N, C-alpha and C. Protein backbone atom coordinates (compact mmCIF):
# COMPACT_ATOMS: atom_id res chain seq x y z
N UNK A 1 119.58 88.20 162.14
CA UNK A 1 118.65 86.77 161.90
C UNK A 1 117.70 86.57 161.74
N UNK A 2 117.77 85.63 160.42
CA UNK A 2 116.03 85.42 159.93
C UNK A 2 115.86 83.57 159.81
N UNK A 3 115.19 83.29 160.94
CA UNK A 3 115.26 81.70 160.98
C UNK A 3 113.83 80.88 159.95
N UNK A 4 113.52 80.28 159.92
CA UNK A 4 112.08 79.14 159.75
C UNK A 4 111.30 78.37 160.41
N UNK A 5 110.20 78.36 160.89
CA UNK A 5 110.06 77.71 161.98
C UNK A 5 108.36 77.19 161.44
N UNK A 6 108.33 75.90 161.90
CA UNK A 6 106.71 75.67 161.15
C UNK A 6 105.94 75.97 161.90
N UNK A 7 105.06 76.78 161.99
CA UNK A 7 103.43 76.56 162.57
C UNK A 7 102.21 76.01 162.53
N UNK A 8 101.89 75.61 163.39
CA UNK A 8 100.68 74.62 163.30
C UNK A 8 99.77 75.03 163.77
N UNK A 9 98.61 74.92 163.04
CA UNK A 9 97.42 75.49 163.46
C UNK A 9 95.79 74.41 163.47
N UNK A 10 95.62 74.88 164.79
CA UNK A 10 94.11 73.20 164.56
C UNK A 10 93.04 74.29 165.47
N UNK A 11 91.81 74.12 164.50
CA UNK A 11 90.46 74.89 165.07
C UNK A 11 90.41 73.54 166.21
N UNK A 12 89.80 74.01 167.64
CA UNK A 12 89.55 73.53 168.52
C UNK A 12 88.01 74.16 169.25
N UNK A 13 86.70 73.87 169.32
CA UNK A 13 85.70 74.62 169.42
C UNK A 13 86.02 76.11 168.68
N UNK A 14 85.90 76.84 169.52
CA UNK A 14 86.08 78.09 169.11
C UNK A 14 86.92 78.91 169.14
N UNK A 15 87.95 78.41 169.11
CA UNK A 15 89.42 78.79 169.44
C UNK A 15 90.62 77.66 168.52
N UNK A 16 91.29 78.34 167.50
CA UNK A 16 93.01 77.41 167.14
C UNK A 16 93.53 77.53 167.96
N UNK A 17 94.32 76.88 168.59
CA UNK A 17 95.18 76.34 168.99
C UNK A 17 96.37 76.55 168.00
N UNK A 18 97.65 76.88 168.67
CA UNK A 18 98.48 76.95 167.62
C UNK A 18 100.31 76.54 168.41
N UNK A 19 100.69 75.92 167.44
CA UNK A 19 102.67 75.35 168.13
C UNK A 19 103.37 75.76 167.24
N UNK A 20 104.44 75.74 167.76
CA UNK A 20 105.57 75.90 166.34
C UNK A 20 106.38 74.44 166.78
N UNK A 21 106.19 73.88 165.57
CA UNK A 21 106.41 72.59 165.29
C UNK A 21 108.39 71.79 165.43
N UNK A 22 108.60 72.88 165.39
CA UNK A 22 110.41 72.82 165.67
C UNK A 22 110.71 72.51 167.85
N UNK A 23 110.03 73.59 168.32
CA UNK A 23 110.62 73.68 169.39
C UNK A 23 109.53 73.70 170.30
N UNK A 24 109.76 71.99 171.16
CA UNK A 24 108.24 72.37 171.98
C UNK A 24 108.10 73.47 172.54
N UNK A 25 107.39 73.78 173.32
CA UNK A 25 106.64 74.47 174.64
C UNK A 25 106.11 75.81 174.09
N UNK A 26 106.17 76.09 173.05
CA UNK A 26 106.33 77.44 172.04
C UNK A 26 104.82 76.82 171.41
N UNK A 27 103.70 77.41 172.05
CA UNK A 27 102.47 77.35 172.22
C UNK A 27 101.54 78.45 172.20
N UNK A 28 100.23 78.17 171.75
CA UNK A 28 99.42 79.83 171.66
C UNK A 28 98.16 79.27 171.59
N UNK A 29 96.65 80.20 171.45
CA UNK A 29 95.86 79.45 170.87
C UNK A 29 94.98 81.66 170.66
N UNK A 30 93.76 81.48 169.86
CA UNK A 30 93.49 82.78 169.16
C UNK A 30 92.57 82.26 169.01
N UNK A 31 90.84 83.33 168.88
CA UNK A 31 89.54 83.64 169.04
C UNK A 31 89.95 83.10 167.31
N UNK A 32 91.04 83.62 166.09
CA UNK A 32 90.77 83.64 164.55
C UNK A 32 92.04 83.15 164.41
N UNK A 33 91.94 82.75 163.02
CA UNK A 33 93.41 82.18 162.67
C UNK A 33 94.85 83.63 162.19
N UNK A 34 94.00 84.85 161.56
CA UNK A 34 95.17 85.54 162.52
C UNK A 34 95.54 86.05 163.66
N UNK A 35 94.52 86.15 164.66
CA UNK A 35 95.37 86.27 165.86
C UNK A 35 95.85 85.11 166.84
N UNK A 36 95.74 83.38 166.69
CA UNK A 36 96.46 83.07 166.50
C UNK A 36 98.21 82.68 166.04
N UNK A 37 97.72 82.90 164.63
CA UNK A 37 98.98 83.51 163.89
C UNK A 37 100.27 84.70 164.72
N UNK A 38 99.38 85.53 164.88
CA UNK A 38 100.27 86.81 165.74
C UNK A 38 100.50 86.35 166.90
N UNK A 39 100.14 85.54 168.05
CA UNK A 39 100.00 85.73 169.25
C UNK A 39 101.12 84.10 168.74
N UNK A 40 100.90 83.08 168.12
CA UNK A 40 102.71 82.54 168.18
C UNK A 40 104.05 82.74 167.67
N UNK A 41 103.50 84.02 166.69
CA UNK A 41 105.17 84.99 166.41
C UNK A 41 105.40 85.62 167.85
N UNK A 42 104.04 86.18 169.13
CA UNK A 42 104.94 86.52 169.53
C UNK A 42 105.85 85.57 170.72
N UNK A 43 104.91 84.50 170.93
CA UNK A 43 105.42 83.38 172.09
C UNK A 43 106.77 82.90 171.70
N UNK A 44 107.05 82.68 170.49
CA UNK A 44 108.05 82.43 169.31
C UNK A 44 109.62 83.32 169.81
N UNK A 45 108.78 84.71 169.18
CA UNK A 45 110.06 85.47 169.74
C UNK A 45 110.53 85.93 171.26
N UNK A 46 109.37 85.76 172.29
CA UNK A 46 109.88 85.57 173.81
C UNK A 46 110.14 84.04 174.35
N UNK A 47 110.58 83.45 172.85
CA UNK A 47 110.94 81.72 173.72
C UNK A 47 112.55 82.05 173.99
N UNK A 48 112.53 82.31 172.34
CA UNK A 48 113.94 82.79 171.96
C UNK A 48 114.84 83.36 173.02
N UNK A 49 113.89 84.84 172.94
CA UNK A 49 114.79 85.91 173.58
C UNK A 49 115.22 85.22 174.79
N UNK A 50 114.25 84.53 175.80
CA UNK A 50 114.80 84.19 176.93
C UNK A 50 116.08 83.30 177.27
N UNK A 51 115.66 82.51 175.78
CA UNK A 51 116.13 81.19 176.32
C UNK A 51 117.97 81.58 175.95
N UNK A 52 118.46 82.75 174.80
CA UNK A 52 119.45 83.48 175.25
C UNK A 52 120.09 83.97 176.08
N UNK A 53 118.67 84.73 176.72
CA UNK A 53 119.60 85.69 177.87
C UNK A 53 119.84 84.73 179.60
N UNK A 54 119.00 83.21 179.08
CA UNK A 54 119.06 82.34 180.41
C UNK A 54 120.62 81.89 179.79
N UNK A 55 120.93 81.83 178.60
CA UNK A 55 122.54 80.81 177.74
C UNK A 55 123.07 81.66 178.65
N UNK A 56 123.11 82.82 178.43
CA UNK A 56 124.09 83.95 178.86
C UNK A 56 124.43 83.83 180.01
N UNK A 57 123.21 83.82 180.73
CA UNK A 57 123.82 83.98 182.67
C UNK A 57 124.45 83.46 183.13
N UNK A 58 124.12 81.96 182.35
CA UNK A 58 124.85 80.57 182.66
C UNK A 58 126.36 80.07 182.63
N UNK A 59 126.14 81.11 181.57
CA UNK A 59 128.10 80.76 180.96
C UNK A 59 129.00 82.13 180.99
N UNK A 60 130.62 81.97 180.88
CA UNK A 60 131.37 82.83 180.94
C UNK A 60 132.05 83.31 179.70
N UNK A 61 132.63 83.79 179.81
CA UNK A 61 133.51 84.31 178.53
C UNK A 61 134.79 82.90 178.48
N UNK A 62 134.97 82.34 178.88
CA UNK A 62 135.42 80.78 178.19
C UNK A 62 134.83 80.45 177.08
N UNK A 63 133.25 80.58 177.33
CA UNK A 63 132.33 79.72 176.64
C UNK A 63 132.72 80.05 175.64
N UNK A 64 132.57 79.04 174.12
CA UNK A 64 132.41 79.47 172.71
C UNK A 64 131.21 79.46 171.74
N UNK A 65 131.16 80.50 171.66
CA UNK A 65 129.72 80.65 170.32
C UNK A 65 129.97 80.45 168.74
N UNK A 66 129.16 80.44 168.54
CA UNK A 66 129.08 80.39 166.75
C UNK A 66 127.59 79.25 166.25
N UNK A 67 127.34 80.24 165.15
CA UNK A 67 125.59 79.56 164.29
C UNK A 67 125.92 78.58 163.70
N UNK A 68 125.03 77.38 164.25
CA UNK A 68 124.98 76.34 163.31
C UNK A 68 124.17 76.41 162.09
N UNK A 69 124.12 76.33 161.33
CA UNK A 69 122.77 76.16 160.09
C UNK A 69 123.19 75.43 159.67
N UNK A 70 121.16 74.96 160.12
CA UNK A 70 120.97 73.44 159.57
C UNK A 70 119.93 73.31 158.90
N UNK A 71 119.60 72.35 157.51
CA UNK A 71 118.82 72.26 156.07
C UNK A 71 118.31 70.81 157.36
N UNK A 72 116.77 71.08 157.47
CA UNK A 72 116.10 69.60 157.60
C UNK A 72 115.13 69.63 156.79
N UNK A 73 113.85 68.69 156.61
CA UNK A 73 113.06 68.64 155.69
C UNK A 73 112.23 67.56 156.40
């Protein structure tokens, strides 16, 4: 599955801070823009995997799951 998110990068002193615009709590930093991009992708994957795992633990077999497709501008 492929999703599209917006990475936001801001130079702060010697560091780049980065976050995902669409998902609160997905943020990181890096000494270089390249490192911040890499770290942000890793943080996003970890958050998505963790959220799915936690959701699966909190539901039972009677729970309905289905894809939701949205287009936001």
